[in-house]
Amino acid sequence: MFNIEKTNTISKSSTQDKQEFYNQLNTYLNDLISIETDWLAGISNASALLYLMLPHINWAGFYLYKGKELVYPLPPVFF
């Protein structure tokens, strides 16, 4: 398991800091997905992680399709 701390240390002027942040976020996402066997739990955890780690977004989630029909998501949860 791993420890995730919410951070807002990305400098808009520092490409290297952004790259390091997104590399770490990618590692967290891969770790979450690799340990989860249920696809719905996996995308739920991924949404929560993205919302936690990207403080300037107001929603993180996935739109799902059954065949050609869009399955509407539940309303987003705001903290």
N, C-alpha and C. Protein backbone atom coordinates (compact mmCIF):
# COMPACT_ATOMS: atom_id res chain seq x y z
N MET A 1 0.84 -1.17 0.00
CA MET A 1 0.00 0.00 0.00
C MET A 1 0.89 1.24 0.00
N PHE A 2 0.31 2.36 -0.30
CA PHE A 2 1.07 3.59 -0.39
C PHE A 2 0.34 4.71 0.31
N ASN A 3 1.06 5.76 0.64
CA ASN A 3 0.50 6.90 1.33
C ASN A 3 0.40 8.06 0.35
N ILE A 4 -0.78 8.67 0.27
CA ILE A 4 -1.00 9.79 -0.64
C ILE A 4 -1.29 11.03 0.20
N GLU A 5 -0.59 12.09 -0.10
CA GLU A 5 -0.85 13.36 0.58
C GLU A 5 -1.26 14.39 -0.46
N LYS A 6 -2.33 15.12 -0.15
CA LYS A 6 -2.76 16.17 -1.06
C LYS A 6 -1.71 17.27 -1.09
N THR A 7 -1.35 17.65 -2.28
CA THR A 7 -0.30 18.65 -2.42
C THR A 7 -0.69 19.67 -3.47
N ASN A 8 -0.23 20.84 -3.31
CA ASN A 8 -0.47 21.90 -4.29
C ASN A 8 0.86 22.60 -4.55
N THR A 9 1.87 21.82 -4.85
CA THR A 9 3.22 22.36 -4.98
C THR A 9 3.68 22.51 -6.42
N ILE A 10 2.78 22.35 -7.38
CA ILE A 10 3.20 22.45 -8.77
C ILE A 10 3.30 23.92 -9.16
N SER A 11 4.46 24.28 -9.62
CA SER A 11 4.68 25.64 -10.07
C SER A 11 4.38 25.70 -11.56
N LYS A 12 3.60 26.69 -11.98
CA LYS A 12 3.27 26.82 -13.39
C LYS A 12 4.51 27.07 -14.24
N SER A 13 5.54 27.60 -13.64
CA SER A 13 6.74 27.92 -14.41
C SER A 13 7.74 26.77 -14.46
N SER A 14 7.50 25.73 -13.70
CA SER A 14 8.46 24.64 -13.63
C SER A 14 7.95 23.39 -14.34
N THR A 15 8.45 23.17 -15.53
CA THR A 15 8.06 21.99 -16.30
C THR A 15 8.52 20.72 -15.61
N GLN A 16 9.69 20.74 -15.01
CA GLN A 16 10.20 19.55 -14.33
C GLN A 16 9.31 19.17 -13.15
N ASP A 17 8.86 20.16 -12.36
CA ASP A 17 7.97 19.87 -11.24
C ASP A 17 6.66 19.26 -11.74
N LYS A 18 6.12 19.79 -12.83
CA LYS A 18 4.89 19.24 -13.40
C LYS A 18 5.11 17.81 -13.85
N GLN A 19 6.22 17.57 -14.52
CA GLN A 19 6.51 16.23 -15.01
C GLN A 19 6.64 15.25 -13.85
N GLU A 20 7.33 15.65 -12.79
CA GLU A 20 7.47 14.79 -11.62
C GLU A 20 6.12 14.52 -10.97
N PHE A 21 5.28 15.55 -10.86
CA PHE A 21 3.94 15.40 -10.29
C PHE A 21 3.12 14.39 -11.09
N TYR A 22 3.07 14.57 -12.40
CA TYR A 22 2.26 13.68 -13.23
C TYR A 22 2.85 12.27 -13.30
N ASN A 23 4.15 12.14 -13.23
CA ASN A 23 4.76 10.81 -13.14
C ASN A 23 4.32 10.11 -11.86
N GLN A 24 4.32 10.84 -10.74
CA GLN A 24 3.89 10.28 -9.47
C GLN A 24 2.39 9.94 -9.50
N LEU A 25 1.59 10.83 -10.07
CA LEU A 25 0.15 10.57 -10.19
C LEU A 25 -0.09 9.31 -11.03
N ASN A 26 0.66 9.16 -12.09
CA ASN A 26 0.55 7.98 -12.94
C ASN A 26 0.91 6.71 -12.15
N THR A 27 1.95 6.80 -11.33
CA THR A 27 2.33 5.66 -10.49
C THR A 27 1.21 5.30 -9.53
N TYR A 28 0.62 6.31 -8.88
CA TYR A 28 -0.49 6.06 -7.96
C TYR A 28 -1.66 5.39 -8.68
N LEU A 29 -2.01 5.92 -9.87
CA LEU A 29 -3.13 5.34 -10.62
C LEU A 29 -2.85 3.89 -11.01
N ASN A 30 -1.65 3.63 -11.49
CA ASN A 30 -1.29 2.26 -11.86
C ASN A 30 -1.35 1.33 -10.66
N ASP A 31 -0.88 1.79 -9.51
CA ASP A 31 -0.93 0.97 -8.30
C ASP A 31 -2.36 0.69 -7.89
N LEU A 32 -3.22 1.71 -7.93
CA LEU A 32 -4.63 1.51 -7.57
C LEU A 32 -5.30 0.50 -8.49
N ILE A 33 -5.09 0.66 -9.77
CA ILE A 33 -5.74 -0.20 -10.75
C ILE A 33 -5.22 -1.63 -10.68
N SER A 34 -3.94 -1.78 -10.41
CA SER A 34 -3.34 -3.12 -10.41
C SER A 34 -3.80 -3.98 -9.23
N ILE A 35 -4.21 -3.35 -8.11
CA ILE A 35 -4.63 -4.15 -6.95
C ILE A 35 -6.13 -4.37 -6.90
N GLU A 36 -6.89 -3.71 -7.77
CA GLU A 36 -8.35 -3.81 -7.73
C GLU A 36 -8.85 -4.76 -8.81
N THR A 37 -9.69 -5.72 -8.44
CA THR A 37 -10.21 -6.68 -9.41
C THR A 37 -11.58 -6.28 -9.95
N ASP A 38 -12.27 -5.40 -9.26
CA ASP A 38 -13.59 -4.95 -9.72
C ASP A 38 -13.43 -3.66 -10.51
N TRP A 39 -13.89 -3.65 -11.76
CA TRP A 39 -13.67 -2.50 -12.63
C TRP A 39 -14.36 -1.24 -12.11
N LEU A 40 -15.56 -1.38 -11.54
CA LEU A 40 -16.27 -0.21 -11.05
C LEU A 40 -15.56 0.40 -9.84
N ALA A 41 -15.09 -0.44 -8.95
CA ALA A 41 -14.31 0.05 -7.81
C ALA A 41 -13.02 0.71 -8.31
N GLY A 42 -12.42 0.15 -9.34
CA GLY A 42 -11.19 0.72 -9.90
C GLY A 42 -11.39 2.12 -10.45
N ILE A 43 -12.45 2.32 -11.24
CA ILE A 43 -12.65 3.67 -11.79
C ILE A 43 -13.14 4.64 -10.71
N SER A 44 -13.84 4.12 -9.70
CA SER A 44 -14.24 4.97 -8.57
C SER A 44 -13.02 5.46 -7.81
N ASN A 45 -12.11 4.56 -7.54
CA ASN A 45 -10.87 4.93 -6.84
C ASN A 45 -10.03 5.89 -7.69
N ALA A 46 -9.98 5.64 -8.99
CA ALA A 46 -9.22 6.52 -9.88
C ALA A 46 -9.83 7.93 -9.88
N SER A 47 -11.16 8.02 -9.91
CA SER A 47 -11.83 9.33 -9.86
C SER A 47 -11.50 10.06 -8.57
N ALA A 48 -11.56 9.33 -7.46
CA ALA A 48 -11.26 9.94 -6.16
C ALA A 48 -9.82 10.43 -6.10
N LEU A 49 -8.90 9.64 -6.63
CA LEU A 49 -7.50 10.05 -6.63
C LEU A 49 -7.28 11.29 -7.49
N LEU A 50 -7.86 11.32 -8.68
CA LEU A 50 -7.72 12.49 -9.54
C LEU A 50 -8.29 13.74 -8.87
N TYR A 51 -9.46 13.59 -8.24
CA TYR A 51 -10.07 14.73 -7.56
C TYR A 51 -9.20 15.21 -6.40
N LEU A 52 -8.61 14.28 -5.69
CA LEU A 52 -7.75 14.62 -4.56
C LEU A 52 -6.47 15.32 -5.00
N MET A 53 -5.85 14.82 -6.04
CA MET A 53 -4.52 15.28 -6.43
C MET A 53 -4.53 16.49 -7.36
N LEU A 54 -5.67 16.78 -7.97
CA LEU A 54 -5.76 17.92 -8.89
C LEU A 54 -6.70 18.96 -8.28
N PRO A 55 -6.17 19.83 -7.42
CA PRO A 55 -7.02 20.71 -6.62
C PRO A 55 -7.80 21.76 -7.42
N HIS A 56 -7.44 22.01 -8.65
CA HIS A 56 -8.12 23.06 -9.41
C HIS A 56 -9.27 22.52 -10.26
N ILE A 57 -9.56 21.24 -10.17
CA ILE A 57 -10.70 20.70 -10.91
C ILE A 57 -11.90 20.62 -9.98
N ASN A 58 -13.09 20.66 -10.55
CA ASN A 58 -14.28 20.60 -9.71
C ASN A 58 -15.06 19.30 -9.88
N TRP A 59 -14.58 18.41 -10.73
CA TRP A 59 -15.24 17.13 -10.94
C TRP A 59 -14.25 16.17 -11.58
N ALA A 60 -14.28 14.93 -11.15
CA ALA A 60 -13.46 13.88 -11.78
C ALA A 60 -14.31 12.63 -11.84
N GLY A 61 -14.42 12.05 -13.01
CA GLY A 61 -15.23 10.85 -13.14
C GLY A 61 -15.17 10.30 -14.55
N PHE A 62 -16.01 9.32 -14.79
CA PHE A 62 -16.05 8.64 -16.07
C PHE A 62 -17.49 8.57 -16.54
N TYR A 63 -17.70 8.69 -17.84
CA TYR A 63 -19.00 8.43 -18.43
C TYR A 63 -18.94 7.03 -19.00
N LEU A 64 -19.96 6.25 -18.70
CA LEU A 64 -19.98 4.85 -19.10
C LEU A 64 -21.06 4.61 -20.15
N TYR A 65 -20.79 3.68 -21.04
CA TYR A 65 -21.75 3.28 -22.06
C TYR A 65 -22.11 1.82 -21.87
N LYS A 66 -23.39 1.50 -22.08
CA LYS A 66 -23.85 0.12 -22.22
C LYS A 66 -24.27 -0.01 -23.67
N GLY A 67 -23.47 -0.73 -24.42
CA GLY A 67 -23.72 -0.78 -25.86
C GLY A 67 -23.49 0.61 -26.42
N LYS A 68 -24.54 1.18 -27.02
CA LYS A 68 -24.44 2.54 -27.57
C LYS A 68 -25.14 3.57 -26.68
N GLU A 69 -25.62 3.14 -25.53
CA GLU A 69 -26.36 4.03 -24.65
C GLU A 69 -25.48 4.55 -23.51
N LEU A 70 -25.52 5.86 -23.33
CA LEU A 70 -24.78 6.49 -22.25
C LEU A 70 -25.50 6.21 -20.93
N VAL A 71 -24.75 5.71 -19.97
CA VAL A 71 -25.28 5.49 -18.62
C VAL A 71 -24.89 6.71 -17.82
N TYR A 72 -25.86 7.50 -17.44
CA TYR A 72 -25.57 8.75 -16.73
C TYR A 72 -24.99 8.47 -15.36
N PRO A 73 -23.94 9.20 -15.01
CA PRO A 73 -23.34 9.00 -13.69
C PRO A 73 -24.19 9.63 -12.61
N LEU A 74 -23.95 9.21 -11.39
CA LEU A 74 -24.58 9.87 -10.26
C LEU A 74 -24.03 11.29 -10.17
N PRO A 75 -24.77 12.20 -9.57
CA PRO A 75 -24.22 13.56 -9.42
C PRO A 75 -22.90 13.51 -8.67
N PRO A 76 -21.97 14.38 -9.03
CA PRO A 76 -20.67 14.38 -8.35
C PRO A 76 -20.83 14.77 -6.88
N VAL A 77 -19.92 14.29 -6.09
CA VAL A 77 -19.90 14.61 -4.67
C VAL A 77 -18.91 15.76 -4.47
N PHE A 78 -19.34 16.79 -3.81
CA PHE A 78 -18.47 17.93 -3.53
C PHE A 78 -18.14 17.94 -2.06
N PHE A 79 -16.90 18.21 -1.75
CA PHE A 79 -16.45 18.24 -0.36
C PHE A 79 -16.31 19.65 0.12
